[in-house]
C-alpha atoms as a PDB file:
ATOM      1  CA  MET A   1      37.225 -51.727  22.718  1.00  0.00           C
ATOM      2  CA  THR A   2      37.544 -48.447  20.843  1.00  0.00           C
ATOM      3  CA  LEU A   3      35.157 -49.904  18.268  1.00  0.00           C
ATOM      4  CA  LEU A   4      32.350 -49.535  20.834  1.00  0.00           C
ATOM      5  CA  ILE A   5      32.704 -45.735  21.031  1.00  0.00           C
ATOM      6  CA  PRO A   6      30.484 -44.997  17.962  1.00  0.00           C
ATOM      7  CA  VAL A   7      27.579 -47.134  19.244  1.00  0.00           C
ATOM      8  CA  PRO A   8      25.928 -44.558  21.587  1.00  0.00           C
ATOM      9  CA  PHE A   9      26.335 -41.802  18.979  1.00  0.00           C
ATOM     10  CA  THR A  10      24.788 -44.021  16.333  1.00  0.00           C
ATOM     11  CA  LEU A  11      21.920 -44.933  18.675  1.00  0.00           C
ATOM     12  CA  ILE A  12      21.166 -41.232  19.220  1.00  0.00           C
ATOM     13  CA  ALA A  13      21.416 -40.595  15.467  1.00  0.00           C
ATOM     14  CA  THR A  14      19.050 -43.500  14.820  1.00  0.00           C
ATOM     15  CA  TYR A  15      16.490 -42.076  17.230  1.00  0.00           C
ATOM     16  CA  THR A  16      16.595 -38.572  15.750  1.00  0.00           C
ATOM     17  CA  ASP A  17      16.581 -39.915  12.185  1.00  0.00           C
ATOM     18  CA  VAL A  18      13.530 -42.093  12.794  1.00  0.00           C
ATOM     19  CA  ARG A  19      11.713 -39.500  14.887  1.00  0.00           C
ATOM     20  CA  TYR A  20      12.588 -36.246  13.075  1.00  0.00           C
ATOM     21  CA  ARG A  21      14.216 -37.493   9.828  1.00  0.00           C
ATOM     22  CA  LYS A  22      17.355 -35.512  10.709  1.00  0.00           C
ATOM     23  CA  ILE A  23      20.699 -36.408  12.232  1.00  0.00           C
ATOM     24  CA  ARG A  24      21.882 -33.552  14.408  1.00  0.00           C
ATOM     25  CA  ASN A  25      25.384 -32.100  14.315  1.00  0.00           C
ATOM     26  CA  TYR A  26      25.704 -32.500  18.088  1.00  0.00           C
ATOM     27  CA  THR A  27      25.770 -36.235  17.416  1.00  0.00           C
ATOM     28  CA  THR A  28      28.140 -36.380  14.459  1.00  0.00           C
ATOM     29  CA  TYR A  29      30.810 -33.746  15.160  1.00  0.00           C
ATOM     30  CA  PRO A  30      31.734 -35.070  18.622  1.00  0.00           C
ATOM     31  CA  LEU A  31      31.975 -38.584  17.134  1.00  0.00           C
ATOM     32  CA  ILE A  32      34.406 -37.368  14.467  1.00  0.00           C
ATOM     33  CA  LEU A  33      36.447 -35.435  17.056  1.00  0.00           C
ATOM     34  CA  ILE A  34      36.551 -38.377  19.486  1.00  0.00           C
ATOM     35  CA  GLY A  35      37.588 -40.604  16.575  1.00  0.00           C
ATOM     36  CA  PHE A  36      40.519 -38.298  15.794  1.00  0.00           C
ATOM     37  CA  ILE A  37      41.588 -38.151  19.439  1.00  0.00           C
ATOM     38  CA  THR A  38      41.242 -41.921  19.867  1.00  0.00           C
ATOM     39  CA  ASN A  39      43.261 -42.605  16.719  1.00  0.00           C
ATOM     40  CA  ILE A  40      46.025 -40.274  17.887  1.00  0.00           C
ATOM     41  CA  TYR A  41      46.026 -41.813  21.378  1.00  0.00           C
ATOM     42  CA  VAL A  42      46.063 -45.420  20.119  1.00  0.00           C
ATOM     43  CA  ASN A  43      48.223 -45.040  16.984  1.00  0.00           C
ATOM     44  CA  GLY A  44      50.289 -41.932  17.646  1.00  0.00           C
ATOM     45  CA  VAL A  45      51.133 -39.808  14.610  1.00  0.00           C
ATOM     46  CA  LEU A  46      49.871 -42.607  12.333  1.00  0.00           C
ATOM     47  CA  GLY A  47      46.436 -42.032  13.889  1.00  0.00           C
ATOM     48  CA  ILE A  48      46.235 -38.642  12.197  1.00  0.00           C
ATOM     49  CA  GLU A  49      46.994 -40.253   8.847  1.00  0.00           C
ATOM     50  CA  ARG A  50      44.493 -43.054   9.488  1.00  0.00           C
ATOM     51  CA  SER A  51      41.774 -40.542  10.385  1.00  0.00           C
ATOM     52  CA  PHE A  52      42.333 -38.467   7.255  1.00  0.00           C
ATOM     53  CA  ILE A  53      42.406 -41.601   5.073  1.00  0.00           C
ATOM     54  CA  SER A  54      39.068 -42.677   6.586  1.00  0.00           C
ATOM     55  CA  ILE A  55      37.538 -39.266   5.874  1.00  0.00           C
ATOM     56  CA  LEU A  56      38.877 -39.265   2.313  1.00  0.00           C
ATOM     57  CA  MET A  57      37.529 -42.786   1.807  1.00  0.00           C
ATOM     58  CA  THR A  58      34.121 -41.584   2.975  1.00  0.00           C
ATOM     59  CA  PHE A  59      34.129 -38.718   0.461  1.00  0.00           C
ATOM     60  CA  PHE A  60      35.413 -40.938  -2.336  1.00  0.00           C
ATOM     61  CA  LEU A  61      33.016 -43.826  -1.731  1.00  0.00           C
ATOM     62  CA  LEU A  62      29.991 -41.554  -1.404  1.00  0.00           C
ATOM     63  CA  ALA A  63      31.012 -39.705  -4.568  1.00  0.00           C
ATOM     64  CA  ILE A  64      31.268 -42.859  -6.683  1.00  0.00           C
ATOM     65  CA  ILE A  65      28.139 -44.436  -5.191  1.00  0.00           C
ATOM     66  CA  PRO A  66      25.660 -41.526  -5.113  1.00  0.00           C
ATOM     67  CA  GLY A  67      22.557 -43.720  -5.157  1.00  0.00           C
ATOM     68  CA  LEU A  68      22.902 -44.878  -1.554  1.00  0.00           C
ATOM     69  CA  GLY A  69      20.603 -42.108  -0.333  1.00  0.00           C
ATOM     70  CA  PHE A  70      22.890 -40.374   2.143  1.00  0.00           C
ATOM     71  CA  SER A  71      22.067 -36.866   3.306  1.00  0.00           C
ATOM     72  CA  GLY A  72      24.483 -34.559   5.137  1.00  0.00           C
ATOM     73  CA  GLY A  73      23.938 -36.038   8.588  1.00  0.00           C
ATOM     74  CA  ASP A  74      24.239 -39.577   7.270  1.00  0.00           C
ATOM     75  CA  LYS A  75      27.541 -38.722   5.596  1.00  0.00           C
ATOM     76  CA  LYS A  76      28.956 -37.174   8.771  1.00  0.00           C
ATOM     77  CA  LEU A  77      27.792 -40.164  10.823  1.00  0.00           C
ATOM     78  CA  LEU A  78      29.512 -42.515   8.373  1.00  0.00           C
ATOM     79  CA  MET A  79      32.632 -40.373   8.504  1.00  0.00           C
ATOM     80  CA  GLY A  80      32.693 -40.679  12.290  1.00  0.00           C
ATOM     81  CA  ILE A  81      32.197 -44.431  12.144  1.00  0.00           C
ATOM     82  CA  PHE A  82      34.792 -44.952   9.405  1.00  0.00           C
ATOM     83  CA  ILE A  83      37.452 -43.219  11.529  1.00  0.00           C
ATOM     84  CA  PHE A  84      37.206 -46.157  13.947  1.00  0.00           C
ATOM     85  CA  LEU A  85      37.381 -48.857  11.259  1.00  0.00           C
ATOM     86  CA  THR A  86      40.262 -50.262   9.263  1.00  0.00           C
ATOM     87  CA  LYS A  87      40.173 -50.155   5.477  1.00  0.00           C
ATOM     88  CA  ASN A  88      39.056 -53.791   5.227  1.00  0.00           C
ATOM     89  CA  GLN A  89      36.361 -53.239   7.845  1.00  0.00           C
ATOM     90  CA  ILE A  90      35.090 -50.273   5.824  1.00  0.00           C
ATOM     91  CA  TYR A  91      34.749 -52.460   2.735  1.00  0.00           C
ATOM     92  CA  GLU A  92      33.003 -55.146   4.788  1.00  0.00           C
ATOM     93  CA  TYR A  93      30.720 -52.496   6.268  1.00  0.00           C
ATOM     94  CA  LEU A  94      29.763 -51.166   2.827  1.00  0.00           C
ATOM     95  CA  ILE A  95      28.877 -54.628   1.522  1.00  0.00           C
ATOM     96  CA  ILE A  96      26.694 -55.291   4.564  1.00  0.00           C
ATOM     97  CA  TYR A  97      25.113 -51.834   4.305  1.00  0.00           C
ATOM     98  CA  ILE A  98      24.278 -52.172   0.603  1.00  0.00           C
ATOM     99  CA  LEU A  99      22.753 -55.640   1.021  1.00  0.00           C
ATOM    100  CA  LEU A 100      20.778 -54.611   4.091  1.00  0.00           C
ATOM    101  CA  SER A 101      19.499 -51.319   2.668  1.00  0.00           C
ATOM    102  CA  ALA A 102      18.541 -52.918  -0.659  1.00  0.00           C
ATOM    103  CA  SER A 103      16.573 -55.611   1.176  1.00  0.00           C
ATOM    104  CA  ILE A 104      14.788 -53.108   3.422  1.00  0.00           C
ATOM    105  CA  LEU A 105      14.020 -50.763   0.537  1.00  0.00           C
ATOM    106  CA  LEU A 106      12.653 -53.625  -1.567  1.00  0.00           C
ATOM    107  CA  PHE A 107      10.447 -54.785   1.300  1.00  0.00           C
ATOM    108  CA  ASN A 108       9.273 -51.206   1.887  1.00  0.00           C
ATOM    109  CA  CYS A 109       8.430 -50.768  -1.806  1.00  0.00           C
ATOM    110  CA  LEU A 110       6.552 -54.061  -1.893  1.00  0.00           C
ATOM    111  CA  TYR A 111       4.625 -53.098   1.218  1.00  0.00           C
ATOM    112  CA  LYS A 112       3.715 -49.579   0.036  1.00  0.00           C
ATOM    113  CA  LEU A 113       3.377 -50.098  -3.717  1.00  0.00           C
ATOM    114  CA  GLY A 114       2.652 -53.776  -4.220  1.00  0.00           C
ATOM    115  CA  VAL A 115       4.445 -55.999  -6.703  1.00  0.00           C
ATOM    116  CA  MET A 116       3.534 -54.092  -9.880  1.00  0.00           C
ATOM    117  CA  GLY A 117       4.205 -50.710  -8.281  1.00  0.00           C
ATOM    118  CA  THR A 118       7.616 -51.941  -7.149  1.00  0.00           C
ATOM    119  CA  PHE A 119       8.476 -53.046 -10.682  1.00  0.00           C
ATOM    120  CA  GLU A 120       7.374 -49.624 -11.987  1.00  0.00           C
ATOM    121  CA  CYS A 121       9.463 -47.881  -9.330  1.00  0.00           C
ATOM    122  CA  ILE A 122      12.555 -49.927 -10.218  1.00  0.00           C
ATOM    123  CA  LYS A 123      11.968 -49.458 -13.937  1.00  0.00           C
ATOM    124  CA  SER A 124      11.550 -45.701 -13.620  1.00  0.00           C
ATOM    125  CA  ALA A 125      14.664 -45.434 -11.448  1.00  0.00           C
ATOM    126  CA  ILE A 126      16.853 -47.555 -13.743  1.00  0.00           C
ATOM    127  CA  VAL A 127      15.545 -46.843 -17.233  1.00  0.00           C
ATOM    128  CA  THR A 128      14.315 -43.261 -17.149  1.00  0.00           C
ATOM    129  CA  LYS A 129      16.181 -41.995 -14.054  1.00  0.00           C
ATOM    130  CA  VAL A 130      12.904 -40.449 -12.835  1.00  0.00           C
ATOM    131  CA  ASP A 131      12.448 -40.353  -9.096  1.00  0.00           C
ATOM    132  CA  HIS A 132       8.779 -39.348  -8.948  1.00  0.00           C
ATOM    133  CA  MET A 133       8.032 -42.657  -7.205  1.00  0.00           C
ATOM    134  CA  LYS A 134      10.916 -42.245  -4.774  1.00  0.00           C
ATOM    135  CA  ILE A 135      10.431 -43.916  -1.415  1.00  0.00           C
ATOM    136  CA  THR A 136      12.761 -42.782   1.325  1.00  0.00           C
ATOM    137  CA  ILE A 137      13.602 -44.474   4.582  1.00  0.00           C
ATOM    138  CA  PRO A 138      15.677 -43.320   7.561  1.00  0.00           C
ATOM    139  CA  VAL A 139      19.256 -44.413   6.905  1.00  0.00           C
ATOM    140  CA  ALA A 140      20.697 -44.208  10.455  1.00  0.00           C
ATOM    141  CA  PRO A 141      19.075 -47.481  11.616  1.00  0.00           C
ATOM    142  CA  ILE A 142      20.694 -49.284   8.688  1.00  0.00           C
ATOM    143  CA  ILE A 143      24.011 -47.591   9.485  1.00  0.00           C
ATOM    144  CA  LEU A 144      23.679 -48.799  13.102  1.00  0.00           C
ATOM    145  CA  ILE A 145      22.737 -52.385  12.232  1.00  0.00           C
ATOM    146  CA  SER A 146      25.527 -52.634   9.653  1.00  0.00           C
ATOM    147  CA  TYR A 147      28.042 -51.318  12.182  1.00  0.00           C
ATOM    148  CA  LEU A 148      26.857 -53.774  14.848  1.00  0.00           C
ATOM    149  CA  ILE A 149      27.267 -56.654  12.380  1.00  0.00           C
ATOM    150  CA  VAL A 150      30.840 -55.534  11.666  1.00  0.00           C
ATOM    151  CA  LEU A 151      31.478 -55.314  15.435  1.00  0.00           C
ATOM    152  CA  ILE A 152      30.110 -58.785  16.062  1.00  0.00           C
ATOM    153  CA  ARG A 153      32.165 -60.219  13.200  1.00  0.00           C
ATOM    154  CA  ASN A 154      35.256 -58.437  14.539  1.00  0.00           C
ATOM    155  CA  PHE A 155      34.808 -59.695  18.114  1.00  0.00           C
ATOM    156  CA  THR A 156      33.914 -63.275  17.143  1.00  0.00           C
ATOM    157  CA  GLY A 157      36.187 -63.794  14.164  1.00  0.00           C
END
């Protein structure tokens, strides 16, 4: 049941990200703190280690995969969510997130730029590393949906 704790925080972050394009610290810092406290309560001293490993995994994964489009609030939200997940759930989450965000971004590009514009956008991003055609989308909704999929898979499987 502790896996349900991040859901209201992520819902609030989704609202502020869609509405204002910013995830507020009053959403992310309490989530991280509650994650620490929950891990310590549930796992004892090992909860401290698990929390720090989750935070380090967040830093490491976001450092080696910089193209995922995370800003500061998105990173802190992920950090708070990862504290509640096991290592395998984090990997599962990342796969779901990457597939979901790539699909949404492709659809968004096709909708805004058309087929040829999308090809130009992909070509400029891959070949020339130019981001003048950059299309951004709020990331918190994708974070929320990916987390809910991991929750559903965890509760049903």
